Amino acid sequence: MGTDSMQAYYAARAPEYDRVYRKPERQADLRAIERWLPAALGGRSLLEVACGTGYWTRFLAPVATRVLGVDASAETLAIARARVEGEHVQFVVGDAYRLPVAPGGFEAGFAGFWFSHVPRARVAAFLRGFHAALAPGAKVVLLDNLFVPGSSTPLAERDGEGDTFQLRPLQDGSTHRVLKNFPTEGELREAVAGAAREVRFHAWPYYWALEYELATP
């Protein structure tokens, strides 16, 4: 699924985007993460990549000194702007692979439920650009889904690059082929090796998070 296709999918999904957070079996995990995440990233200027509808921004904005949320979909950003207000909060349309920010401008970075949509072949490039937007020693959290049979959308295929895909129906009757990878802890640690220190992997029944600090020169 290309960048344009992903953008079209999330634009179409915007009105029903947050339904995934209503799954009954995931509520305990979500409450735990909603408590943990602000404590992990609070007190810093924050760059949020693929902020979507601002579901997570609303927990981070009250504890951040400044927030810039970037997303490719104007439709989801409209929801985020209505949900999260404050003079220190800004949302902009932008490409996660070419972030519209100056280098080194943020003390923390967060990407929620985006890493799983990054093709394996582009992981290194995404992280390089993401890290470049952050200051040395910045705190970073990547948050995403574990694959749980019976709760996760089944995987429909795997391509030659090792990327996996789901077929996701929307309320308008359309079905979209969406790239969705489920990396292991080892793969995540390898992806940030050399750029990160104090790497910590967290796992809940339905979600994982990788927490780390950027290495200083």
N, C-alpha and C. Protein backbone atom coordinates (compact mmCIF):
# COMPACT_ATOMS: atom_id res chain seq x y z
N MET A 1 0.85 -1.18 0.00
CA MET A 1 0.00 0.00 0.00
C MET A 1 0.88 1.24 0.00
N GLY A 2 0.78 2.08 -1.01
CA GLY A 2 1.61 3.26 -1.12
C GLY A 2 1.16 4.36 -0.19
N THR A 3 1.98 5.40 -0.13
CA THR A 3 1.66 6.54 0.74
C THR A 3 0.35 7.18 0.36
N ASP A 4 0.10 7.34 -0.95
CA ASP A 4 -1.15 7.96 -1.39
C ASP A 4 -2.34 7.10 -1.02
N SER A 5 -2.21 5.77 -1.15
CA SER A 5 -3.31 4.87 -0.80
C SER A 5 -3.58 4.90 0.70
N MET A 6 -2.52 4.94 1.49
CA MET A 6 -2.69 5.03 2.94
C MET A 6 -3.38 6.32 3.33
N GLN A 7 -3.00 7.42 2.70
CA GLN A 7 -3.62 8.71 2.99
C GLN A 7 -5.10 8.69 2.63
N ALA A 8 -5.43 8.09 1.49
CA ALA A 8 -6.83 8.00 1.06
C ALA A 8 -7.63 7.15 2.04
N TYR A 9 -7.03 6.06 2.51
CA TYR A 9 -7.71 5.19 3.47
C TYR A 9 -8.04 5.94 4.75
N TYR A 10 -7.06 6.65 5.32
CA TYR A 10 -7.31 7.34 6.58
C TYR A 10 -8.22 8.56 6.42
N ALA A 11 -8.19 9.16 5.25
CA ALA A 11 -9.15 10.24 4.99
C ALA A 11 -10.57 9.69 5.01
N ALA A 12 -10.77 8.54 4.36
CA ALA A 12 -12.10 7.92 4.33
C ALA A 12 -12.51 7.40 5.70
N ARG A 13 -11.52 6.98 6.49
CA ARG A 13 -11.80 6.37 7.79
C ARG A 13 -12.00 7.41 8.89
N ALA A 14 -11.66 8.66 8.66
CA ALA A 14 -11.64 9.69 9.71
C ALA A 14 -12.89 9.68 10.61
N PRO A 15 -14.12 9.65 10.06
CA PRO A 15 -15.29 9.71 10.93
C PRO A 15 -15.43 8.52 11.88
N GLU A 16 -14.83 7.38 11.51
CA GLU A 16 -14.95 6.18 12.35
C GLU A 16 -13.60 5.76 12.94
N TYR A 17 -12.62 6.65 12.86
CA TYR A 17 -11.24 6.34 13.25
C TYR A 17 -11.15 5.79 14.67
N ASP A 18 -11.86 6.39 15.60
CA ASP A 18 -11.68 6.04 17.01
C ASP A 18 -12.47 4.82 17.45
N ARG A 19 -13.19 4.18 16.53
CA ARG A 19 -13.94 2.98 16.91
C ARG A 19 -13.02 1.88 17.42
N VAL A 20 -11.79 1.85 16.90
CA VAL A 20 -10.84 0.81 17.31
C VAL A 20 -10.52 0.91 18.80
N TYR A 21 -10.67 2.12 19.37
CA TYR A 21 -10.39 2.29 20.79
C TYR A 21 -11.57 1.91 21.68
N ARG A 22 -12.64 1.46 21.08
CA ARG A 22 -13.83 1.09 21.86
C ARG A 22 -13.96 -0.42 22.06
N LYS A 23 -13.03 -1.19 21.53
CA LYS A 23 -13.12 -2.65 21.69
C LYS A 23 -13.08 -2.99 23.17
N PRO A 24 -14.09 -3.71 23.67
CA PRO A 24 -14.19 -3.95 25.12
C PRO A 24 -12.97 -4.62 25.71
N GLU A 25 -12.40 -5.57 25.00
CA GLU A 25 -11.30 -6.35 25.56
C GLU A 25 -10.02 -5.53 25.73
N ARG A 26 -9.97 -4.36 25.10
CA ARG A 26 -8.74 -3.55 25.14
C ARG A 26 -8.80 -2.41 26.15
N GLN A 27 -9.90 -2.26 26.85
CA GLN A 27 -10.07 -1.08 27.70
C GLN A 27 -9.08 -1.01 28.86
N ALA A 28 -8.77 -2.14 29.49
CA ALA A 28 -7.82 -2.11 30.61
C ALA A 28 -6.45 -1.67 30.12
N ASP A 29 -6.04 -2.19 28.97
CA ASP A 29 -4.75 -1.78 28.40
C ASP A 29 -4.72 -0.29 28.12
N LEU A 30 -5.78 0.22 27.50
CA LEU A 30 -5.82 1.63 27.14
C LEU A 30 -5.75 2.53 28.36
N ARG A 31 -6.47 2.16 29.41
CA ARG A 31 -6.41 2.98 30.62
C ARG A 31 -4.99 2.97 31.20
N ALA A 32 -4.32 1.83 31.17
CA ALA A 32 -2.96 1.75 31.69
C ALA A 32 -2.00 2.60 30.86
N ILE A 33 -2.14 2.55 29.54
CA ILE A 33 -1.25 3.33 28.67
C ILE A 33 -1.54 4.82 28.80
N GLU A 34 -2.81 5.17 28.95
CA GLU A 34 -3.18 6.58 29.11
C GLU A 34 -2.56 7.17 30.38
N ARG A 35 -2.33 6.33 31.38
CA ARG A 35 -1.66 6.81 32.60
C ARG A 35 -0.15 6.83 32.42
N TRP A 36 0.39 5.83 31.74
CA TRP A 36 1.84 5.70 31.61
C TRP A 36 2.45 6.71 30.64
N LEU A 37 1.81 6.94 29.52
CA LEU A 37 2.41 7.73 28.45
C LEU A 37 2.72 9.18 28.85
N PRO A 38 1.80 9.90 29.49
CA PRO A 38 2.13 11.28 29.89
C PRO A 38 3.31 11.34 30.85
N ALA A 39 3.42 10.36 31.72
CA ALA A 39 4.54 10.34 32.66
C ALA A 39 5.86 10.09 31.93
N ALA A 40 5.80 9.31 30.85
CA ALA A 40 7.01 8.98 30.10
C ALA A 40 7.52 10.17 29.29
N LEU A 41 6.61 11.02 28.80
CA LEU A 41 7.00 12.08 27.87
C LEU A 41 6.77 13.50 28.39
N GLY A 42 6.21 13.63 29.57
CA GLY A 42 5.82 14.95 30.07
C GLY A 42 7.00 15.88 30.34
N GLY A 43 6.71 17.19 30.35
CA GLY A 43 7.69 18.20 30.69
C GLY A 43 8.62 18.58 29.56
N ARG A 44 8.30 18.19 28.34
CA ARG A 44 9.16 18.42 27.19
C ARG A 44 8.37 19.00 26.02
N SER A 45 9.08 19.60 25.07
CA SER A 45 8.45 19.95 23.79
C SER A 45 8.34 18.66 22.98
N LEU A 46 7.19 18.47 22.34
CA LEU A 46 6.86 17.16 21.78
C LEU A 46 6.49 17.24 20.31
N LEU A 47 7.09 16.36 19.52
CA LEU A 47 6.70 16.15 18.13
C LEU A 47 5.95 14.83 18.06
N GLU A 48 4.69 14.89 17.60
CA GLU A 48 3.89 13.68 17.45
C GLU A 48 3.70 13.40 15.96
N VAL A 49 4.18 12.27 15.52
CA VAL A 49 4.08 11.86 14.13
C VAL A 49 2.84 10.99 13.94
N ALA A 50 2.09 11.26 12.87
CA ALA A 50 0.86 10.51 12.57
C ALA A 50 -0.10 10.61 13.75
N CYS A 51 -0.42 11.84 14.12
CA CYS A 51 -1.24 12.08 15.32
C CYS A 51 -2.71 11.73 15.12
N GLY A 52 -3.14 11.54 13.86
CA GLY A 52 -4.52 11.13 13.61
C GLY A 52 -5.54 12.11 14.16
N THR A 53 -6.50 11.58 14.88
CA THR A 53 -7.58 12.40 15.42
C THR A 53 -7.23 13.06 16.75
N GLY A 54 -5.99 12.90 17.19
CA GLY A 54 -5.58 13.50 18.46
C GLY A 54 -5.97 12.69 19.68
N TYR A 55 -6.30 11.41 19.49
CA TYR A 55 -6.68 10.58 20.64
C TYR A 55 -5.60 10.62 21.71
N TRP A 56 -4.34 10.42 21.30
CA TRP A 56 -3.25 10.41 22.28
C TRP A 56 -2.76 11.80 22.59
N THR A 57 -2.91 12.72 21.66
CA THR A 57 -2.48 14.10 21.90
C THR A 57 -3.18 14.69 23.11
N ARG A 58 -4.43 14.32 23.31
CA ARG A 58 -5.18 14.91 24.42
C ARG A 58 -4.64 14.50 25.79
N PHE A 59 -3.92 13.38 25.85
CA PHE A 59 -3.28 12.97 27.11
C PHE A 59 -1.89 13.59 27.26
N LEU A 60 -1.26 13.92 26.14
CA LEU A 60 0.10 14.44 26.17
C LEU A 60 0.14 15.96 26.26
N ALA A 61 -0.81 16.64 25.62
CA ALA A 61 -0.79 18.11 25.59
C ALA A 61 -0.78 18.74 26.98
N PRO A 62 -1.55 18.23 27.95
CA PRO A 62 -1.55 18.87 29.27
C PRO A 62 -0.21 18.81 30.00
N VAL A 63 0.68 17.90 29.60
CA VAL A 63 1.95 17.76 30.33
C VAL A 63 3.14 18.18 29.48
N ALA A 64 2.91 18.63 28.24
CA ALA A 64 4.00 19.05 27.35
C ALA A 64 4.14 20.56 27.36
N THR A 65 5.35 21.05 27.13
CA THR A 65 5.57 22.49 27.04
C THR A 65 5.14 23.03 25.69
N ARG A 66 5.20 22.17 24.67
CA ARG A 66 4.77 22.53 23.32
C ARG A 66 4.50 21.24 22.57
N VAL A 67 3.48 21.25 21.70
CA VAL A 67 3.14 20.05 20.92
C VAL A 67 2.95 20.44 19.46
N LEU A 68 3.60 19.69 18.58
CA LEU A 68 3.32 19.77 17.15
C LEU A 68 2.88 18.39 16.69
N GLY A 69 1.63 18.30 16.23
CA GLY A 69 1.10 17.07 15.71
C GLY A 69 1.10 17.10 14.19
N VAL A 70 1.70 16.09 13.58
CA VAL A 70 1.80 16.01 12.13
C VAL A 70 1.03 14.80 11.63
N ASP A 71 0.23 15.00 10.58
CA ASP A 71 -0.50 13.88 9.99
C ASP A 71 -0.72 14.18 8.52
N ALA A 72 -0.81 13.14 7.70
CA ALA A 72 -1.00 13.32 6.27
C ALA A 72 -2.45 13.61 5.90
N SER A 73 -3.38 13.36 6.82
CA SER A 73 -4.80 13.48 6.52
C SER A 73 -5.40 14.75 7.11
N ALA A 74 -5.86 15.65 6.26
CA ALA A 74 -6.53 16.85 6.74
C ALA A 74 -7.82 16.51 7.46
N GLU A 75 -8.45 15.40 7.05
CA GLU A 75 -9.72 15.01 7.66
C GLU A 75 -9.55 14.60 9.12
N THR A 76 -8.52 13.81 9.41
CA THR A 76 -8.30 13.44 10.81
C THR A 76 -7.79 14.62 11.64
N LEU A 77 -7.01 15.49 11.02
CA LEU A 77 -6.51 16.67 11.75
C LEU A 77 -7.64 17.61 12.14
N ALA A 78 -8.69 17.68 11.34
CA ALA A 78 -9.84 18.52 11.70
C ALA A 78 -10.45 18.04 13.01
N ILE A 79 -10.49 16.72 13.19
CA ILE A 79 -11.01 16.16 14.44
C ILE A 79 -10.06 16.45 15.58
N ALA A 80 -8.74 16.33 15.32
CA ALA A 80 -7.74 16.60 16.36
C ALA A 80 -7.82 18.04 16.84
N ARG A 81 -7.97 18.98 15.91
CA ARG A 81 -8.01 20.39 16.31
C ARG A 81 -9.22 20.69 17.18
N ALA A 82 -10.34 20.03 16.91
CA ALA A 82 -11.53 20.23 17.73
C ALA A 82 -11.40 19.56 19.09
N ARG A 83 -10.61 18.52 19.16
CA ARG A 83 -10.47 17.73 20.38
C ARG A 83 -9.43 18.31 21.34
N VAL A 84 -8.33 18.84 20.80
CA VAL A 84 -7.21 19.30 21.63
C VAL A 84 -6.96 20.78 21.35
N GLU A 85 -7.18 21.60 22.34
CA GLU A 85 -6.98 23.03 22.19
C GLU A 85 -5.86 23.51 23.11
N GLY A 86 -5.35 24.66 22.81
CA GLY A 86 -4.29 25.25 23.63
C GLY A 86 -3.33 26.02 22.75
N GLU A 87 -2.86 27.14 23.25
CA GLU A 87 -1.94 27.97 22.47
C GLU A 87 -0.61 27.25 22.21
N HIS A 88 -0.28 26.27 23.02
CA HIS A 88 0.99 25.55 22.86
C HIS A 88 0.84 24.32 21.97
N VAL A 89 -0.34 24.12 21.39
CA VAL A 89 -0.60 22.95 20.55
C VAL A 89 -0.84 23.38 19.11
N GLN A 90 -0.17 22.74 18.18
CA GLN A 90 -0.34 23.03 16.76
C GLN A 90 -0.43 21.72 15.98
N PHE A 91 -1.30 21.71 14.98
CA PHE A 91 -1.43 20.56 14.10
C PHE A 91 -1.15 21.00 12.67
N VAL A 92 -0.36 20.19 11.93
CA VAL A 92 -0.06 20.53 10.55
C VAL A 92 -0.13 19.28 9.68
N VAL A 93 -0.54 19.48 8.44
CA VAL A 93 -0.52 18.40 7.46
C VAL A 93 0.92 18.20 7.01
N GLY A 94 1.37 16.97 7.03
CA GLY A 94 2.75 16.71 6.63
C GLY A 94 3.01 15.24 6.41
N ASP A 95 4.14 14.96 5.80
CA ASP A 95 4.57 13.62 5.44
C ASP A 95 5.50 13.08 6.52
N ALA A 96 5.20 11.90 7.05
CA ALA A 96 6.03 11.33 8.11
C ALA A 96 7.45 11.05 7.65
N TYR A 97 7.64 10.90 6.35
CA TYR A 97 8.98 10.63 5.82
C TYR A 97 9.74 11.91 5.46
N ARG A 98 9.05 13.02 5.44
CA ARG A 98 9.67 14.33 5.19
C ARG A 98 9.01 15.33 6.14
N LEU A 99 9.34 15.22 7.39
CA LEU A 99 8.66 16.00 8.43
C LEU A 99 8.88 17.49 8.23
N PRO A 100 7.81 18.28 8.33
CA PRO A 100 7.90 19.74 8.09
C PRO A 100 8.39 20.50 9.30
N VAL A 101 9.57 20.12 9.79
CA VAL A 101 10.12 20.76 10.99
C VAL A 101 11.62 20.97 10.80
N ALA A 102 12.16 21.91 11.57
CA ALA A 102 13.60 22.14 11.55
C ALA A 102 14.30 21.04 12.35
N PRO A 103 15.52 20.71 12.00
CA PRO A 103 16.25 19.66 12.73
C PRO A 103 16.46 20.03 14.20
N GLY A 104 16.37 19.01 15.05
CA GLY A 104 16.73 19.16 16.45
C GLY A 104 15.84 20.04 17.29
N GLY A 105 14.61 20.25 16.86
CA GLY A 105 13.78 21.24 17.54
C GLY A 105 12.91 20.75 18.68
N PHE A 106 12.90 19.43 18.95
CA PHE A 106 11.99 18.91 19.96
C PHE A 106 12.72 18.03 20.96
N GLU A 107 12.24 18.08 22.20
CA GLU A 107 12.86 17.32 23.28
C GLU A 107 12.26 15.94 23.45
N ALA A 108 11.17 15.66 22.72
CA ALA A 108 10.52 14.36 22.80
C ALA A 108 9.81 14.06 21.49
N GLY A 109 9.68 12.78 21.20
CA GLY A 109 8.98 12.36 19.99
C GLY A 109 8.06 11.19 20.30
N PHE A 110 6.89 11.20 19.67
CA PHE A 110 5.92 10.12 19.87
C PHE A 110 5.31 9.74 18.53
N ALA A 111 5.24 8.45 18.27
CA ALA A 111 4.54 7.93 17.10
C ALA A 111 3.64 6.79 17.56
N GLY A 112 2.35 7.04 17.57
CA GLY A 112 1.39 6.04 18.01
C GLY A 112 0.70 5.39 16.83
N PHE A 113 0.85 4.08 16.72
CA PHE A 113 0.15 3.28 15.71
C PHE A 113 0.52 3.72 14.29
N TRP A 114 1.75 4.14 14.13
CA TRP A 114 2.30 4.48 12.83
C TRP A 114 3.38 3.51 12.39
N PHE A 115 4.23 3.09 13.34
CA PHE A 115 5.36 2.25 12.99
C PHE A 115 4.91 0.99 12.25
N SER A 116 3.77 0.46 12.61
CA SER A 116 3.27 -0.77 11.97
C SER A 116 2.87 -0.54 10.52
N HIS A 117 2.70 0.72 10.12
CA HIS A 117 2.36 1.04 8.73
C HIS A 117 3.58 1.42 7.89
N VAL A 118 4.75 1.37 8.49
CA VAL A 118 5.97 1.69 7.76
C VAL A 118 6.49 0.41 7.10
N PRO A 119 6.66 0.40 5.78
CA PRO A 119 7.22 -0.78 5.13
C PRO A 119 8.59 -1.11 5.71
N ARG A 120 8.90 -2.37 5.79
CA ARG A 120 10.18 -2.77 6.36
C ARG A 120 11.35 -2.09 5.65
N ALA A 121 11.22 -1.90 4.35
CA ALA A 121 12.29 -1.29 3.57
C ALA A 121 12.48 0.18 3.89
N ARG A 122 11.50 0.81 4.56
CA ARG A 122 11.58 2.24 4.85
C ARG A 122 11.77 2.55 6.33
N VAL A 123 11.89 1.52 7.16
CA VAL A 123 12.01 1.74 8.60
C VAL A 123 13.23 2.60 8.92
N ALA A 124 14.39 2.25 8.36
CA ALA A 124 15.61 3.00 8.67
C ALA A 124 15.48 4.46 8.25
N ALA A 125 14.90 4.70 7.07
CA ALA A 125 14.75 6.08 6.59
C ALA A 125 13.77 6.85 7.46
N PHE A 126 12.67 6.22 7.85
CA PHE A 126 11.71 6.91 8.72
C PHE A 126 12.36 7.30 10.04
N LEU A 127 13.03 6.35 10.69
CA LEU A 127 13.64 6.64 11.98
C LEU A 127 14.73 7.69 11.86
N ARG A 128 15.49 7.66 10.80
CA ARG A 128 16.54 8.65 10.60
C ARG A 128 15.94 10.06 10.52
N GLY A 129 14.86 10.22 9.76
CA GLY A 129 14.21 11.52 9.65
C GLY A 129 13.53 11.94 10.94
N PHE A 130 12.89 11.01 11.61
CA PHE A 130 12.23 11.27 12.89
C PHE A 130 13.24 11.73 13.92
N HIS A 131 14.32 10.97 14.06
CA HIS A 131 15.34 11.31 15.04
C HIS A 131 16.02 12.64 14.73
N ALA A 132 16.16 12.95 13.44
CA ALA A 132 16.81 14.21 13.07
C ALA A 132 16.00 15.42 13.52
N ALA A 133 14.69 15.25 13.67
CA ALA A 133 13.83 16.35 14.11
C ALA A 133 13.91 16.58 15.61
N LEU A 134 14.58 15.67 16.33
CA LEU A 134 14.64 15.72 17.78
C LEU A 134 16.04 16.13 18.24
N ALA A 135 16.09 16.68 19.44
CA ALA A 135 17.36 17.10 20.02
C ALA A 135 18.13 15.89 20.54
N PRO A 136 19.45 15.96 20.61
CA PRO A 136 20.22 14.89 21.25
C PRO A 136 19.72 14.66 22.67
N GLY A 137 19.56 13.40 23.04
CA GLY A 137 19.06 13.07 24.36
C GLY A 137 17.55 13.10 24.48
N ALA A 138 16.86 13.36 23.38
CA ALA A 138 15.39 13.42 23.41
C ALA A 138 14.80 12.08 23.81
N LYS A 139 13.65 12.13 24.45
CA LYS A 139 12.91 10.93 24.83
C LYS A 139 11.96 10.56 23.69
N VAL A 140 11.90 9.27 23.37
CA VAL A 140 11.07 8.80 22.26
C VAL A 140 10.21 7.63 22.72
N VAL A 141 8.96 7.61 22.26
CA VAL A 141 8.09 6.45 22.47
C VAL A 141 7.42 6.09 21.16
N LEU A 142 7.55 4.83 20.78
CA LEU A 142 6.78 4.25 19.69
C LEU A 142 5.76 3.33 20.32
N LEU A 143 4.50 3.48 19.94
CA LEU A 143 3.40 2.70 20.52
C LEU A 143 2.61 2.05 19.41
N ASP A 144 2.28 0.75 19.57
CA ASP A 144 1.56 0.10 18.48
C ASP A 144 0.88 -1.18 18.97
N ASN A 145 0.30 -1.90 18.02
CA ASN A 145 -0.49 -3.10 18.32
C ASN A 145 0.35 -4.37 18.35
N LEU A 146 0.02 -5.25 19.27
CA LEU A 146 0.41 -6.65 19.17
C LEU A 146 -0.66 -7.36 18.34
N PHE A 147 -0.27 -8.42 17.66
CA PHE A 147 -1.27 -9.21 16.94
C PHE A 147 -1.90 -10.21 17.91
N VAL A 148 -3.21 -10.08 18.09
CA VAL A 148 -3.95 -10.96 19.00
C VAL A 148 -5.09 -11.60 18.22
N PRO A 149 -5.02 -12.89 17.92
CA PRO A 149 -6.10 -13.55 17.20
C PRO A 149 -7.43 -13.37 17.90
N GLY A 150 -8.45 -13.07 17.11
CA GLY A 150 -9.78 -12.86 17.66
C GLY A 150 -10.08 -11.41 17.98
N SER A 151 -9.04 -10.60 18.13
CA SER A 151 -9.22 -9.17 18.35
C SER A 151 -8.64 -8.36 17.19
N SER A 152 -7.46 -8.75 16.72
CA SER A 152 -6.84 -8.06 15.59
C SER A 152 -7.50 -8.47 14.28
N THR A 153 -7.52 -7.55 13.31
CA THR A 153 -7.97 -7.90 11.97
C THR A 153 -7.02 -8.95 11.40
N PRO A 154 -7.53 -10.05 10.85
CA PRO A 154 -6.64 -11.11 10.33
C PRO A 154 -5.71 -10.57 9.24
N LEU A 155 -4.55 -11.20 9.13
CA LEU A 155 -3.61 -10.86 8.07
C LEU A 155 -4.05 -11.58 6.79
N ALA A 156 -4.12 -10.80 5.70
CA ALA A 156 -4.60 -11.35 4.44
C ALA A 156 -3.47 -11.85 3.55
N GLU A 157 -2.28 -11.23 3.68
CA GLU A 157 -1.18 -11.63 2.81
C GLU A 157 0.14 -11.11 3.34
N ARG A 158 1.21 -11.69 2.83
CA ARG A 158 2.57 -11.25 3.10
C ARG A 158 3.29 -11.14 1.76
N ASP A 159 3.98 -10.03 1.53
CA ASP A 159 4.64 -9.85 0.25
C ASP A 159 6.10 -10.30 0.31
N GLY A 160 6.80 -10.14 -0.79
CA GLY A 160 8.17 -10.59 -0.87
C GLY A 160 9.13 -9.84 0.01
N GLU A 161 8.75 -8.65 0.47
CA GLU A 161 9.59 -7.86 1.37
C GLU A 161 9.38 -8.22 2.84
N GLY A 162 8.39 -9.10 3.09
CA GLY A 162 8.07 -9.46 4.47
C GLY A 162 7.01 -8.60 5.10
N ASP A 163 6.47 -7.63 4.34
CA ASP A 163 5.38 -6.80 4.86
C ASP A 163 4.07 -7.58 4.85
N THR A 164 3.25 -7.37 5.87
CA THR A 164 1.96 -8.04 5.95
C THR A 164 0.83 -7.03 5.76
N PHE A 165 -0.31 -7.53 5.29
CA PHE A 165 -1.43 -6.67 4.91
C PHE A 165 -2.74 -7.20 5.48
N GLN A 166 -3.63 -6.25 5.81
CA GLN A 166 -4.99 -6.56 6.25
C GLN A 166 -5.98 -6.01 5.24
N LEU A 167 -7.15 -6.63 5.16
CA LEU A 167 -8.25 -6.09 4.38
C LEU A 167 -9.25 -5.48 5.35
N ARG A 168 -9.41 -4.16 5.28
CA ARG A 168 -10.22 -3.45 6.26
C ARG A 168 -11.46 -2.84 5.61
N PRO A 169 -12.65 -3.25 6.04
CA PRO A 169 -13.88 -2.65 5.52
C PRO A 169 -14.23 -1.37 6.26
N LEU A 170 -14.82 -0.41 5.56
CA LEU A 170 -15.31 0.81 6.17
C LEU A 170 -16.83 0.88 6.06
N GLN A 171 -17.42 1.80 6.81
CA GLN A 171 -18.88 1.89 6.84
C GLN A 171 -19.47 2.28 5.49
N ASP A 172 -18.67 2.91 4.63
CA ASP A 172 -19.19 3.29 3.31
C ASP A 172 -19.23 2.12 2.34
N GLY A 173 -18.86 0.93 2.82
CA GLY A 173 -18.90 -0.26 1.98
C GLY A 173 -17.59 -0.58 1.27
N SER A 174 -16.63 0.31 1.34
CA SER A 174 -15.35 0.08 0.67
C SER A 174 -14.47 -0.83 1.52
N THR A 175 -13.56 -1.54 0.86
CA THR A 175 -12.58 -2.39 1.54
C THR A 175 -11.20 -1.95 1.10
N HIS A 176 -10.28 -1.82 2.06
CA HIS A 176 -8.96 -1.29 1.77
C HIS A 176 -7.89 -2.29 2.19
N ARG A 177 -6.90 -2.46 1.33
CA ARG A 177 -5.73 -3.30 1.62
C ARG A 177 -4.71 -2.42 2.33
N VAL A 178 -4.48 -2.71 3.61
CA VAL A 178 -3.69 -1.83 4.47
C VAL A 178 -2.45 -2.58 4.97
N LEU A 179 -1.28 -1.98 4.77
CA LEU A 179 -0.05 -2.54 5.31
C LEU A 179 -0.08 -2.44 6.83
N LYS A 180 0.16 -3.56 7.49
CA LYS A 180 0.17 -3.58 8.95
C LYS A 180 1.16 -4.64 9.41
N ASN A 181 2.32 -4.19 9.88
CA ASN A 181 3.35 -5.10 10.35
C ASN A 181 3.31 -5.25 11.87
N PHE A 182 3.79 -6.37 12.33
CA PHE A 182 3.82 -6.66 13.77
C PHE A 182 5.24 -7.08 14.14
N PRO A 183 6.13 -6.10 14.33
CA PRO A 183 7.53 -6.42 14.61
C PRO A 183 7.71 -7.06 15.98
N THR A 184 8.77 -7.88 16.09
CA THR A 184 9.12 -8.47 17.37
C THR A 184 9.92 -7.48 18.20
N GLU A 185 10.07 -7.78 19.48
CA GLU A 185 10.90 -6.93 20.33
C GLU A 185 12.32 -6.86 19.79
N GLY A 186 12.85 -7.98 19.34
CA GLY A 186 14.20 -7.99 18.80
C GLY A 186 14.34 -7.12 17.57
N GLU A 187 13.34 -7.15 16.69
CA GLU A 187 13.39 -6.32 15.49
C GLU A 187 13.33 -4.83 15.84
N LEU A 188 12.54 -4.49 16.85
CA LEU A 188 12.44 -3.10 17.27
C LEU A 188 13.74 -2.62 17.88
N ARG A 189 14.34 -3.42 18.72
CA ARG A 189 15.61 -3.04 19.32
C ARG A 189 16.70 -2.89 18.26
N GLU A 190 16.68 -3.77 17.28
CA GLU A 190 17.66 -3.67 16.20
C GLU A 190 17.46 -2.41 15.38
N ALA A 191 16.20 -2.02 15.19
CA ALA A 191 15.90 -0.85 14.36
C ALA A 191 16.48 0.43 14.95
N VAL A 192 16.54 0.52 16.29
CA VAL A 192 17.04 1.75 16.93
C VAL A 192 18.46 1.62 17.45
N ALA A 193 19.06 0.46 17.24
CA ALA A 193 20.43 0.24 17.71
C ALA A 193 21.37 1.26 17.08
N GLY A 194 22.24 1.81 17.90
CA GLY A 194 23.19 2.81 17.42
C GLY A 194 22.69 4.23 17.57
N ALA A 195 21.36 4.40 17.53
CA ALA A 195 20.79 5.74 17.67
C ALA A 195 20.24 5.97 19.07
N ALA A 196 20.00 4.88 19.81
CA ALA A 196 19.27 4.99 21.06
C ALA A 196 20.07 4.43 22.23
N ARG A 197 19.71 4.91 23.41
CA ARG A 197 20.24 4.37 24.66
C ARG A 197 19.06 4.18 25.61
N GLU A 198 19.29 3.45 26.68
CA GLU A 198 18.24 3.21 27.68
C GLU A 198 16.96 2.70 27.00
N VAL A 199 17.10 1.70 26.16
CA VAL A 199 15.95 1.18 25.42
C VAL A 199 15.14 0.25 26.32
N ARG A 200 13.85 0.52 26.39
CA ARG A 200 12.95 -0.28 27.22
C ARG A 200 11.74 -0.71 26.38
N PHE A 201 11.45 -2.00 26.42
CA PHE A 201 10.30 -2.55 25.72
C PHE A 201 9.20 -2.83 26.73
N HIS A 202 8.00 -2.32 26.45
CA HIS A 202 6.85 -2.54 27.31
C HIS A 202 5.80 -3.33 26.53
N ALA A 203 5.13 -4.25 27.19
CA ALA A 203 4.08 -5.02 26.53
C ALA A 203 2.86 -5.14 27.45
N TRP A 204 1.71 -4.90 26.87
CA TRP A 204 0.42 -5.15 27.49
C TRP A 204 -0.23 -6.28 26.68
N PRO A 205 -1.35 -6.80 27.09
CA PRO A 205 -1.94 -7.89 26.32
C PRO A 205 -2.21 -7.56 24.85
N TYR A 206 -2.53 -6.29 24.52
CA TYR A 206 -2.89 -5.95 23.15
C TYR A 206 -1.96 -4.93 22.49
N TYR A 207 -1.00 -4.39 23.22
CA TYR A 207 -0.17 -3.32 22.69
C TYR A 207 1.28 -3.49 23.13
N TRP A 208 2.18 -2.83 22.40
CA TRP A 208 3.58 -2.74 22.80
C TRP A 208 4.03 -1.28 22.72
N ALA A 209 5.09 -0.96 23.44
CA ALA A 209 5.72 0.35 23.34
C ALA A 209 7.23 0.18 23.44
N LEU A 210 7.94 0.94 22.65
CA LEU A 210 9.40 1.02 22.74
C LEU A 210 9.74 2.42 23.23
N GLU A 211 10.40 2.48 24.35
CA GLU A 211 10.76 3.75 25.01
C GLU A 211 12.28 3.85 25.02
N TYR A 212 12.81 4.99 24.57
CA TYR A 212 14.26 5.13 24.56
C TYR A 212 14.65 6.61 24.52
N GLU A 213 15.93 6.86 24.72
CA GLU A 213 16.49 8.20 24.59
C GLU A 213 17.45 8.20 23.41
N LEU A 214 17.49 9.30 22.69
CA LEU A 214 18.45 9.41 21.60
C LEU A 214 19.86 9.58 22.17
N ALA A 215 20.78 8.91 21.57
CA ALA A 215 22.17 9.03 22.00
C ALA A 215 22.67 10.45 21.73
N THR A 216 23.57 10.90 22.57
CA THR A 216 24.19 12.21 22.38
C THR A 216 25.55 12.03 21.70
N PRO A 217 25.97 13.00 20.89
CA PRO A 217 27.24 12.89 20.20
C PRO A 217 28.41 12.71 21.16
